[in-house]
Amino acid sequence: MSARKTPSPQELDEPEAWKEKERAELSRTWHEQEGILGRIVSVDHKTIGRRYIITAFIFFFLGGIEAC
């Protein structure tokens, strides 16, 4: 015989409520800010890569100007 009892509907809803709360908290935490400040403080690897590429082109351009 099984000693398990059937969970009540309230007990079934609790994990879903926790999942929803956790999803909302993670979404708020990892949401990327808008604008230039959001690009600067971002930890997303694609945004960081774009920053490196743009910075490299700026320095290549400045080096070319100084070489003239």
C-alpha atoms as a PDB file:
ATOM      1  CA  MET A   1       0.000   0.000   0.000  1.00  0.00           C
ATOM      2  CA  SER A   2       1.077   3.496  -0.730  1.00  0.00           C
ATOM      3  CA  ALA A   3       1.413   6.095   1.996  1.00  0.00           C
ATOM      4  CA  ARG A   4       1.133   8.936  -0.510  1.00  0.00           C
ATOM      5  CA  LYS A   5      -1.826  11.213  -0.240  1.00  0.00           C
ATOM      6  CA  THR A   6      -3.354  13.103  -3.123  1.00  0.00           C
ATOM      7  CA  PRO A   7      -2.170  16.727  -3.160  1.00  0.00           C
ATOM      8  CA  SER A   8      -4.778  19.416  -2.805  1.00  0.00           C
ATOM      9  CA  PRO A   9      -5.342  21.933  -5.628  1.00  0.00           C
ATOM     10  CA  GLN A  10      -3.641  24.610  -3.513  1.00  0.00           C
ATOM     11  CA  GLU A  11      -0.527  22.444  -3.193  1.00  0.00           C
ATOM     12  CA  LEU A  12      -0.484  21.942  -6.952  1.00  0.00           C
ATOM     13  CA  ASP A  13      -0.599  25.704  -7.562  1.00  0.00           C
ATOM     14  CA  GLU A  14       2.285  26.534  -5.217  1.00  0.00           C
ATOM     15  CA  PRO A  15       5.084  25.256  -7.501  1.00  0.00           C
ATOM     16  CA  GLU A  16       3.571  27.165 -10.436  1.00  0.00           C
ATOM     17  CA  ALA A  17       3.430  30.325  -8.339  1.00  0.00           C
ATOM     18  CA  TRP A  18       7.076  29.895  -7.357  1.00  0.00           C
ATOM     19  CA  LYS A  19       8.063  29.281 -10.979  1.00  0.00           C
ATOM     20  CA  GLU A  20       6.225  32.431 -12.098  1.00  0.00           C
ATOM     21  CA  LYS A  21       7.836  34.477  -9.309  1.00  0.00           C
ATOM     22  CA  GLU A  22      11.280  33.096 -10.162  1.00  0.00           C
ATOM     23  CA  ARG A  23      10.776  33.784 -13.877  1.00  0.00           C
ATOM     24  CA  ALA A  24       9.754  37.371 -13.174  1.00  0.00           C
ATOM     25  CA  GLU A  25      12.719  37.925 -10.856  1.00  0.00           C
ATOM     26  CA  LEU A  26      15.198  36.462 -13.370  1.00  0.00           C
ATOM     27  CA  SER A  27      13.693  38.526 -16.158  1.00  0.00           C
ATOM     28  CA  ARG A  28      14.026  41.682 -14.084  1.00  0.00           C
ATOM     29  CA  THR A  29      17.608  40.824 -13.084  1.00  0.00           C
ATOM     30  CA  TRP A  30      18.890  39.951 -16.563  1.00  0.00           C
ATOM     31  CA  HIS A  31      16.941  42.602 -18.483  1.00  0.00           C
ATOM     32  CA  GLU A  32      19.294  44.649 -20.651  1.00  0.00           C
ATOM     33  CA  GLN A  33      19.089  48.385 -20.109  1.00  0.00           C
ATOM     34  CA  GLU A  34      18.195  50.641 -23.014  1.00  0.00           C
ATOM     35  CA  GLY A  35      20.438  53.280 -24.574  1.00  0.00           C
ATOM     36  CA  ILE A  36      24.157  53.899 -24.531  1.00  0.00           C
ATOM     37  CA  LEU A  37      24.502  53.159 -20.812  1.00  0.00           C
ATOM     38  CA  GLY A  38      22.890  49.774 -21.368  1.00  0.00           C
ATOM     39  CA  ARG A  39      25.441  48.991 -24.092  1.00  0.00           C
ATOM     40  CA  ILE A  40      28.342  50.000 -21.846  1.00  0.00           C
ATOM     41  CA  VAL A  41      27.312  47.998 -18.765  1.00  0.00           C
ATOM     42  CA  SER A  42      26.021  44.958 -20.654  1.00  0.00           C
ATOM     43  CA  VAL A  43      27.465  41.505 -19.893  1.00  0.00           C
ATOM     44  CA  ASP A  44      26.043  39.884 -23.026  1.00  0.00           C
ATOM     45  CA  HIS A  45      28.839  38.328 -25.110  1.00  0.00           C
ATOM     46  CA  LYS A  46      27.417  39.657 -28.389  1.00  0.00           C
ATOM     47  CA  THR A  47      27.293  43.235 -27.106  1.00  0.00           C
ATOM     48  CA  ILE A  48      30.828  42.975 -25.703  1.00  0.00           C
ATOM     49  CA  GLY A  49      32.059  41.642 -29.062  1.00  0.00           C
ATOM     50  CA  ARG A  50      30.478  44.565 -30.910  1.00  0.00           C
ATOM     51  CA  ARG A  51      32.136  46.967 -28.466  1.00  0.00           C
ATOM     52  CA  TYR A  52      35.554  45.429 -29.159  1.00  0.00           C
ATOM     53  CA  ILE A  53      35.054  45.586 -32.934  1.00  0.00           C
ATOM     54  CA  ILE A  54      33.886  49.202 -32.872  1.00  0.00           C
ATOM     55  CA  THR A  55      36.765  50.186 -30.570  1.00  0.00           C
ATOM     56  CA  ALA A  56      39.285  48.450 -32.861  1.00  0.00           C
ATOM     57  CA  PHE A  57      37.988  50.290 -35.940  1.00  0.00           C
ATOM     58  CA  ILE A  58      38.100  53.620 -34.097  1.00  0.00           C
ATOM     59  CA  PHE A  59      41.730  53.056 -33.126  1.00  0.00           C
ATOM     60  CA  PHE A  60      42.644  51.896 -36.649  1.00  0.00           C
ATOM     61  CA  PHE A  61      41.045  55.066 -37.993  1.00  0.00           C
ATOM     62  CA  LEU A  62      42.861  57.262 -35.461  1.00  0.00           C
ATOM     63  CA  GLY A  63      46.160  55.487 -36.211  1.00  0.00           C
ATOM     64  CA  GLY A  64      45.642  56.111 -39.928  1.00  0.00           C
ATOM     65  CA  ILE A  65      45.003  59.802 -39.282  1.00  0.00           C
ATOM     66  CA  GLU A  66      48.166  60.061 -37.164  1.00  0.00           C
ATOM     67  CA  ALA A  67      50.216  58.288 -39.849  1.00  0.00           C
ATOM     68  CA  CYS A  68      49.368  60.926 -42.448  1.00  0.00           C
END
